[in-house]
Amino acid sequence: MKLGILTFHRTVNDGSVLQNWCLQRILRSISPGADVETIDLRIARREVQEYRRLLSRRPPFVQLSTVQKMLLLRQFINREIALSSRSKTTDSLAAASKFISQQGYGAVVSGSDTVWQMAKVGTMEPPHLYFMPGFTGYKKIAFAVSADPVADTAVLDNAERREALLQAVSDFEFIGVRDETTRRLLEQLGLPAERIHFMPDPTILEDFSSLVRMPSTRLTGGKVAGLALQSASLAAAVSEVLQSQGWTVVNHLGPTPAGAQSLTSGESLGDRLGRFATQDLLISDRFHSSIFTLKLGSAPVIFVESAKKWPEPTSKGRDLLGRLGCSDFVWRSGSKPKTELQPLLEAVDAWRRNPPDMTARFKHLRDSAKPALDRLATILRQPG
C-alpha cells in the first residue's frame, strides 16, 4: 500500500518537522512494506506567510537567523523525509483533491500537530485542506491531530460550518487525537465518542535520539534555563526573574532578552535537540520543545499557558504535562511574573534534587496508545 501524509511539513518549526519524521517511521512500523511519503502539497497563502517571517520592518530587514534555520531544516527534510515525487502549491480545495487522487494512495494520513485547527489555514476556512472535505478514493486517517488552541468559537456557533466539519470528520476511518480539547470539540460537533481515540504525538511515540547532537561544550556554567516564549515582553520579564536568582538564561525563540544568551548561529535540528537535552530547566509555551526537554534530559518544564491564547485552562501543554504527572508545572501567566514564578521555581529545585522517572512515564503514555495503534494497523491492512 502507498500511504501519504498530509501535514505542516515545510514550516520553519523544529517540532513540525520532527513530528513528520517520527510519523513516517511509525506508519512504516505498523504497516510493514508500505510505501510511506509526505505529500508535497502546499497552501499558497501559507507559503507566503512562511516567507514573510524571514523579513522585518526594521534593519537589517532580513532575519538572517531564521533564514539559516529554514535552510537547515530544508536540508534535513530533503535528506531524512520521503516526499512525494510530485508537488503542488494551491489555495483551491478542488485542485488539492485532484492532485492527491492522482498519486495512487491507499490511505492518506492527516497529522500530526494542529492540522485540525479551527482557524483559517492560508485562505481556507475550516473544514480546510487537512480535513480533506469531500475528498474520495482512499482511506482517510487522522493521527494525533489537534484543534488547539480553540480560542474562537465562531465555527461552533455557525450551524452550516458545524455541519460541514461534522461531515468531513465523519468520513475518516480512524481518528486519533492528542488532547482532550480536540476530543471535546469533535464530540460537540456530534461525532460519537467511541469513534475518537487518544493518540500521543509522534515525537512521544517514536525514538528520535539518533538525531541528537550533544554539544561538545555547554554554552555556560551554572544552572541553565532555556526560554521558548512567543511574547518578547514576557520572555524579558521571566529572564529578569531567573537571572536575579542565579540562572543563566538561554533564549530559543524570538529576540534575546537583556543578559540572556542566544543559541549559536547555524545550529542544525540535531544541535538544537542537544541543547534541550543539556539544560537544567525550560520555560516555554511550545508543545514540542517541552517534549524535547522532558524526553531527552532530566530537567523540568514550566509550561506557560497564556490566558489570551487559552481563555480556558485547556492548553496542549496542560494536557501533556497532566498525562505525564507534572500538572503542577503549568503556569497560567498573569501580570506579576516575579511573584507568580517563585513557587514554581521552588518546585524546580525540588525536582532537581529528586528527579522523577520520566522514562517510565513516557513509556506508560506510549503503552496507553497500543490499542489504538493496533486498531489503525488493522484498518490499514483491510482492502480498500
Protein backbone atom coordinates (compact mmCIF):
# COMPACT_ATOMS: atom_id res chain seq x y z
CA MET A 1 0.00 0.00 0.00
CA LYS A 2 1.06 3.56 -0.66
CA LEU A 3 0.47 5.91 2.28
CA GLY A 4 0.55 9.69 2.04
CA ILE A 5 0.95 12.10 4.96
CA LEU A 6 -0.74 15.50 4.81
CA THR A 7 0.83 17.84 7.36
CA PHE A 8 2.66 21.12 8.00
CA HIS A 9 5.88 19.78 6.51
CA ARG A 10 7.62 22.94 5.31
CA THR A 11 7.13 25.33 8.20
CA VAL A 12 10.19 26.78 9.94
CA ASN A 13 9.48 24.87 13.12
CA ASP A 14 11.54 22.07 14.65
CA GLY A 15 8.52 20.35 16.19
CA SER A 16 6.52 20.25 12.96
CA VAL A 17 9.42 18.82 11.02
CA LEU A 18 10.35 16.26 13.67
CA GLN A 19 6.79 15.00 14.17
CA ASN A 20 6.62 14.39 10.42
CA TRP A 21 9.88 12.38 10.56
CA CYS A 22 8.53 10.36 13.51
CA LEU A 23 5.14 9.76 11.88
CA GLN A 24 6.72 8.30 8.75
CA ARG A 25 8.64 5.82 10.89
CA ILE A 26 5.55 4.88 12.94
CA LEU A 27 3.46 4.21 9.83
CA ARG A 28 6.20 2.03 8.35
CA SER A 29 6.31 0.10 11.62
CA ILE A 30 2.57 -0.60 11.88
CA SER A 31 2.17 -1.17 8.13
CA PRO A 32 5.25 -3.21 7.10
CA GLY A 33 6.07 -2.97 3.43
CA ALA A 34 4.02 0.17 2.90
CA ASP A 35 5.43 2.95 0.76
CA VAL A 36 5.14 5.94 3.10
CA GLU A 37 5.73 9.50 1.93
CA THR A 38 4.75 13.05 2.84
CA ILE A 39 2.55 14.70 0.22
CA ASP A 40 4.37 17.78 -1.03
CA LEU A 41 1.16 19.79 -1.23
CA ARG A 42 1.47 23.39 -0.12
CA ILE A 43 -1.17 26.02 0.55
CA ALA A 44 -0.08 29.06 -1.43
CA ARG A 45 -1.09 31.65 1.14
CA ARG A 46 0.61 29.71 3.92
CA GLU A 47 3.82 29.61 1.87
CA VAL A 48 3.69 33.40 1.58
CA GLN A 49 3.19 33.71 5.33
CA GLU A 50 6.21 31.48 5.97
CA TYR A 51 8.45 33.62 3.78
CA ARG A 52 7.19 36.82 5.42
CA ARG A 53 8.60 35.50 8.69
CA LEU A 54 12.04 35.95 7.17
CA LEU A 55 11.53 39.71 6.88
CA SER A 56 11.47 42.58 9.36
CA ARG A 57 10.23 46.16 9.19
CA ARG A 58 13.43 47.35 10.85
CA PRO A 59 17.08 46.96 9.84
CA PRO A 60 18.56 44.60 8.84
CA PHE A 61 15.10 43.81 7.28
CA VAL A 62 16.05 40.15 6.71
CA GLN A 63 16.01 37.79 9.70
CA LEU A 64 19.24 36.03 8.86
CA SER A 65 19.00 33.56 11.76
CA THR A 66 15.51 32.50 10.61
CA VAL A 67 16.72 32.19 7.01
CA GLN A 68 19.57 29.98 8.19
CA LYS A 69 17.24 27.86 10.29
CA MET A 70 14.88 27.45 7.33
CA LEU A 71 17.70 26.34 5.05
CA LEU A 72 19.00 23.82 7.59
CA LEU A 73 15.51 22.40 8.14
CA ARG A 74 15.00 22.11 4.38
CA GLN A 75 18.26 20.19 4.17
CA PHE A 76 17.02 17.86 6.90
CA ILE A 77 13.70 17.36 5.09
CA ASN A 78 15.39 16.57 1.80
CA ARG A 79 17.78 14.13 3.47
CA GLU A 80 15.56 12.44 6.06
CA ILE A 81 11.91 12.71 4.97
CA ALA A 82 10.44 10.93 1.96
CA LEU A 83 8.47 13.43 -0.12
CA SER A 84 6.10 12.71 -2.98
CA SER A 85 7.77 12.87 -6.39
CA ARG A 86 5.27 15.50 -7.49
CA SER A 87 4.46 18.74 -5.68
CA LYS A 88 1.76 21.35 -5.93
CA THR A 89 1.05 24.78 -4.47
CA THR A 90 -2.57 25.90 -4.46
CA ASP A 91 -5.30 27.64 -2.49
CA SER A 92 -8.01 25.56 -4.16
CA LEU A 93 -9.56 22.59 -2.36
CA ALA A 94 -10.71 21.17 -5.70
CA ALA A 95 -7.18 21.35 -7.12
CA ALA A 96 -5.74 19.81 -3.95
CA SER A 97 -8.25 16.96 -4.06
CA LYS A 98 -7.46 16.25 -7.70
CA PHE A 99 -3.71 16.31 -7.03
CA ILE A 100 -3.95 13.83 -4.15
CA SER A 101 -6.24 11.49 -6.08
CA GLN A 102 -3.67 11.29 -8.89
CA GLN A 103 -0.94 9.94 -6.56
CA GLY A 104 -2.41 6.45 -6.11
CA TYR A 105 -2.61 6.42 -2.30
CA GLY A 106 -4.43 3.63 -0.50
CA ALA A 107 -4.71 5.88 2.54
CA VAL A 108 -3.94 9.50 3.37
CA VAL A 109 -2.99 10.42 6.93
CA SER A 110 -3.81 13.89 8.22
CA GLY A 111 -1.49 14.78 11.06
CA SER A 112 0.00 15.35 13.31
CA ASP A 113 0.29 18.78 15.01
CA THR A 114 -2.54 21.35 14.99
CA VAL A 115 -3.69 20.37 11.49
CA TRP A 116 -7.35 20.40 12.61
CA GLN A 117 -7.16 23.95 13.92
CA MET A 118 -10.40 25.92 13.84
CA ALA A 119 -8.81 28.99 12.28
CA LYS A 120 -8.01 29.67 8.64
CA VAL A 121 -5.07 27.86 7.10
CA GLY A 122 -3.86 30.27 4.47
CA THR A 123 -7.12 31.43 2.88
CA MET A 124 -9.01 28.22 3.68
CA GLU A 125 -11.71 28.27 6.35
CA PRO A 126 -12.38 25.04 8.26
CA PRO A 127 -13.07 22.43 7.04
CA HIS A 128 -9.82 23.25 5.24
CA LEU A 129 -7.36 21.02 3.37
CA TYR A 130 -6.34 18.95 6.41
CA PHE A 131 -9.95 17.81 6.90
CA MET A 132 -9.99 16.66 3.25
CA PRO A 133 -13.67 17.67 2.86
CA GLY A 134 -15.32 15.59 0.13
CA PHE A 135 -12.01 14.04 -0.94
CA THR A 136 -12.56 10.45 -2.11
CA GLY A 137 -10.74 7.41 -3.47
CA TYR A 138 -8.69 6.38 -0.42
CA LYS A 139 -8.97 5.75 3.31
CA LYS A 140 -8.71 8.87 5.42
CA ILE A 141 -6.82 8.66 8.72
CA ALA A 142 -6.32 11.32 11.41
CA PHE A 143 -3.21 10.66 13.51
CA ALA A 144 -2.66 12.63 16.76
CA VAL A 145 -4.44 15.65 15.33
CA SER A 146 -5.11 18.73 17.43
CA ALA A 147 -7.55 21.62 17.14
CA ASP A 148 -5.70 23.52 19.84
CA PRO A 149 -5.93 26.39 20.53
CA VAL A 150 -9.69 26.81 20.27
CA ALA A 151 -9.94 30.48 21.21
CA ASP A 152 -12.55 31.34 18.58
CA THR A 153 -15.93 29.63 18.94
CA ALA A 154 -17.31 31.17 15.74
CA VAL A 155 -17.00 27.81 13.99
CA LEU A 156 -19.12 26.07 16.61
CA ASP A 157 -21.68 28.90 16.57
CA ASN A 158 -22.19 28.62 12.80
CA ALA A 159 -24.63 25.79 12.08
CA GLU A 160 -23.62 25.47 8.42
CA ARG A 161 -19.92 25.27 9.24
CA ARG A 162 -20.55 22.82 12.08
CA GLU A 163 -22.38 20.53 9.70
CA ALA A 164 -19.60 20.79 7.09
CA LEU A 165 -16.99 19.91 9.72
CA LEU A 166 -19.03 17.01 11.06
CA GLN A 167 -19.47 15.62 7.56
CA ALA A 168 -15.75 15.95 6.85
CA VAL A 169 -14.56 14.22 10.04
CA SER A 170 -17.23 11.52 9.74
CA ASP A 171 -15.58 10.38 6.51
CA PHE A 172 -12.39 9.38 8.38
CA GLU A 173 -11.96 5.68 9.05
CA PHE A 174 -9.74 6.33 12.06
CA ILE A 175 -9.50 9.43 14.25
CA GLY A 176 -6.69 9.74 16.79
CA VAL A 177 -6.48 12.99 18.80
CA ARG A 178 -3.60 14.05 21.00
CA ASP A 179 -5.52 16.13 23.58
CA GLU A 180 -8.84 16.36 25.39
CA THR A 181 -9.61 19.79 23.89
CA THR A 182 -9.83 18.23 20.44
CA ARG A 183 -11.83 15.26 21.72
CA ARG A 184 -14.40 17.58 23.32
CA LEU A 185 -14.62 19.69 20.18
CA LEU A 186 -15.35 16.66 17.99
CA GLU A 187 -17.99 15.47 20.45
CA GLN A 188 -19.56 18.96 20.40
CA LEU A 189 -19.74 18.70 16.62
CA GLY A 190 -21.71 15.48 17.06
CA LEU A 191 -19.09 12.80 16.39
CA PRO A 192 -19.76 9.68 18.53
CA ALA A 193 -17.28 9.37 21.41
CA GLU A 194 -16.43 5.77 20.51
CA ARG A 195 -15.01 6.93 17.17
CA ILE A 196 -12.37 9.10 18.85
CA HIS A 197 -9.11 7.55 20.11
CA PHE A 198 -6.34 9.09 22.17
CA MET A 199 -3.05 9.09 20.26
CA PRO A 200 0.10 10.73 21.67
CA ASP A 201 2.14 12.98 19.41
CA PRO A 202 4.55 11.06 17.15
CA THR A 203 7.50 12.62 18.97
CA ILE A 204 6.29 10.81 22.10
CA LEU A 205 5.69 7.50 20.34
CA GLU A 206 8.92 7.36 18.31
CA ASP A 207 12.56 7.38 19.43
CA PHE A 208 14.39 10.27 17.78
CA SER A 209 17.50 10.19 19.97
CA SER A 210 19.61 9.14 16.96
CA LEU A 211 19.17 12.67 15.59
CA VAL A 212 20.50 14.39 18.72
CA ARG A 213 23.93 16.00 18.52
CA MET A 214 25.17 16.67 22.02
CA PRO A 215 27.09 19.96 22.33
CA SER A 216 30.81 19.50 22.84
CA THR A 217 30.71 22.29 25.42
CA ARG A 218 27.89 23.89 27.35
CA LEU A 219 27.01 27.46 26.48
CA THR A 220 27.93 28.43 30.00
CA GLY A 221 28.43 27.06 33.50
CA GLY A 222 25.97 27.03 36.40
CA LYS A 223 22.22 26.49 36.21
CA VAL A 224 20.99 26.89 32.63
CA ALA A 225 17.38 27.80 31.93
CA GLY A 226 16.05 27.73 28.38
CA LEU A 227 13.35 30.15 27.28
CA ALA A 228 10.99 29.46 24.36
CA LEU A 229 8.23 32.07 24.60
CA GLN A 230 6.30 33.80 21.84
CA SER A 231 5.87 37.01 23.80
CA ALA A 232 9.07 39.06 23.82
CA SER A 233 7.87 41.13 26.79
CA LEU A 234 7.06 38.04 28.85
CA ALA A 235 10.40 36.47 27.90
CA ALA A 236 12.18 39.60 29.12
CA ALA A 237 10.28 39.59 32.44
CA VAL A 238 10.90 35.88 33.03
CA SER A 239 14.57 36.22 32.08
CA GLU A 240 14.98 39.00 34.62
CA VAL A 241 13.48 36.85 37.38
CA LEU A 242 15.69 33.88 36.51
CA GLN A 243 18.89 35.91 36.28
CA SER A 244 18.17 37.51 39.66
CA GLN A 245 18.14 34.01 41.16
CA GLY A 246 21.43 32.92 39.63
CA TRP A 247 20.22 31.21 36.47
CA THR A 248 21.98 31.61 33.16
CA VAL A 249 19.26 32.12 30.57
CA VAL A 250 19.49 30.77 27.01
CA ASN A 251 16.94 32.03 24.52
CA HIS A 252 15.44 29.60 21.98
CA LEU A 253 12.78 31.79 20.34
CA GLY A 254 12.45 35.39 19.22
CA PRO A 255 14.51 38.39 20.40
CA THR A 256 17.04 37.60 23.10
CA PRO A 257 16.30 39.40 26.40
CA ALA A 258 18.96 41.57 28.03
CA GLY A 259 21.55 39.49 29.84
CA ALA A 260 20.45 36.23 28.21
CA GLN A 261 22.45 34.18 25.73
CA SER A 262 21.44 33.28 22.18
CA LEU A 263 21.91 29.91 20.57
CA THR A 264 24.97 29.58 18.40
CA SER A 265 24.20 30.70 14.86
CA GLY A 266 23.86 27.96 12.27
CA GLU A 267 22.95 25.08 14.59
CA SER A 268 21.16 22.15 12.96
CA LEU A 269 18.00 20.47 14.22
CA GLY A 270 20.18 17.85 15.91
CA ASP A 271 22.27 20.55 17.58
CA ARG A 272 19.16 22.28 18.91
CA LEU A 273 17.84 18.98 20.26
CA GLY A 274 21.15 18.61 22.08
CA ARG A 275 20.64 22.00 23.71
CA PHE A 276 17.23 20.93 25.04
CA ALA A 277 18.81 17.74 26.38
CA THR A 278 21.51 19.52 28.40
CA GLN A 279 19.74 22.49 30.02
CA ASP A 280 18.51 22.44 33.62
CA LEU A 281 15.09 23.99 33.07
CA LEU A 282 12.80 25.03 30.22
CA ILE A 283 10.14 27.73 30.49
CA SER A 284 8.08 27.54 27.33
CA ASP A 285 4.70 27.91 25.66
CA ARG A 286 5.84 25.47 22.94
CA PHE A 287 4.43 21.93 22.92
CA HIS A 288 7.28 20.14 21.17
CA SER A 289 10.14 21.90 22.96
CA SER A 290 8.53 20.69 26.20
CA ILE A 291 8.63 17.12 24.89
CA PHE A 292 12.25 17.52 23.76
CA THR A 293 13.37 18.69 27.21
CA LEU A 294 11.42 16.10 29.24
CA LYS A 295 12.21 13.19 26.95
CA LEU A 296 15.88 13.81 26.21
CA GLY A 297 17.18 15.11 29.53
CA SER A 298 16.36 15.20 33.22
CA ALA A 299 15.20 18.82 33.51
CA PRO A 300 11.70 20.01 34.40
CA VAL A 301 9.49 22.14 32.14
CA ILE A 302 7.33 25.05 33.21
CA PHE A 303 4.66 25.36 30.53
CA VAL A 304 3.29 28.88 30.15
CA GLU A 305 -0.45 28.97 29.49
CA SER A 306 -1.44 32.42 28.25
CA ALA A 307 -4.97 33.45 29.19
CA LYS A 308 -5.21 35.40 25.94
CA LYS A 309 -4.40 32.36 23.80
CA TRP A 310 -6.25 29.87 26.02
CA PRO A 311 -9.20 31.67 27.70
CA GLU A 312 -9.96 28.40 29.46
CA PRO A 313 -7.21 26.30 31.12
CA THR A 314 -7.25 23.74 28.30
CA SER A 315 -3.87 24.19 26.62
CA LYS A 316 -1.99 21.42 24.87
CA GLY A 317 0.83 21.91 27.38
CA ARG A 318 -1.52 21.40 30.32
CA ASP A 319 -2.85 18.25 28.67
CA LEU A 320 0.69 16.96 28.02
CA LEU A 321 2.08 17.65 31.48
CA GLY A 322 -1.08 16.29 33.10
CA ARG A 323 -0.67 12.97 31.28
CA LEU A 324 2.95 12.87 32.45
CA GLY A 325 2.03 13.59 36.07
CA CYS A 326 3.55 17.09 36.01
CA SER A 327 0.44 19.29 36.01
CA ASP A 328 1.83 21.38 38.89
CA PHE A 329 4.33 22.83 36.41
CA VAL A 330 1.72 24.63 34.29
CA TRP A 331 1.89 28.39 34.82
CA ARG A 332 -1.18 30.35 33.81
CA SER A 333 0.77 33.54 33.30
CA GLY A 334 -0.53 36.80 34.71
CA SER A 335 0.86 40.28 35.23
CA LYS A 336 3.23 39.52 38.12
CA PRO A 337 5.87 37.01 36.97
CA LYS A 338 8.16 37.81 39.90
CA THR A 339 5.71 36.52 42.49
CA GLU A 340 3.87 34.01 40.28
CA LEU A 341 7.03 32.19 39.24
CA GLN A 342 8.53 31.83 42.72
CA PRO A 343 6.52 28.75 43.86
CA LEU A 344 7.27 27.05 40.54
CA LEU A 345 10.99 27.76 40.81
CA GLU A 346 10.94 26.24 44.30
CA ALA A 347 9.30 23.15 42.80
CA VAL A 348 12.05 23.10 40.16
CA ASP A 349 14.69 22.96 42.90
CA ALA A 350 12.85 20.03 44.49
CA TRP A 351 12.69 18.27 41.08
CA ARG A 352 16.43 18.74 40.57
CA ARG A 353 17.18 17.25 43.99
CA ASN A 354 14.93 14.22 43.39
CA PRO A 355 14.06 13.93 39.66
CA PRO A 356 11.08 11.73 38.73
CA ASP A 357 11.48 8.78 36.38
CA MET A 358 10.33 10.46 33.19
CA THR A 359 11.46 7.49 31.09
CA ALA A 360 8.86 5.32 32.83
CA ARG A 361 6.19 8.00 32.46
CA PHE A 362 6.78 8.34 28.73
CA LYS A 363 6.67 4.55 28.39
CA HIS A 364 3.32 4.45 30.17
CA LEU A 365 2.00 7.11 27.79
CA ARG A 366 3.22 5.15 24.78
CA ASP A 367 1.75 1.93 26.12
CA SER A 368 -1.65 3.62 26.51
CA ALA A 369 -1.75 4.12 22.74
CA LYS A 370 -1.18 0.46 21.83
CA PRO A 371 -4.88 -0.47 21.41
CA ALA A 372 -5.44 2.49 19.09
CA LEU A 373 -2.28 1.69 17.09
CA ASP A 374 -3.39 -1.94 16.75
CA ARG A 375 -6.80 -0.80 15.51
CA LEU A 376 -5.17 1.53 12.99
CA ALA A 377 -2.89 -1.26 11.77
CA THR A 378 -5.95 -3.46 11.20
CA ILE A 379 -7.69 -0.72 9.22
CA LEU A 380 -4.63 -0.22 7.02
CA ARG A 381 -4.42 -3.97 6.32
CA GLN A 382 -8.03 -4.20 5.19
CA PRO A 383 -8.70 -3.97 1.44
CA GLY A 384 -9.69 -0.50 0.26
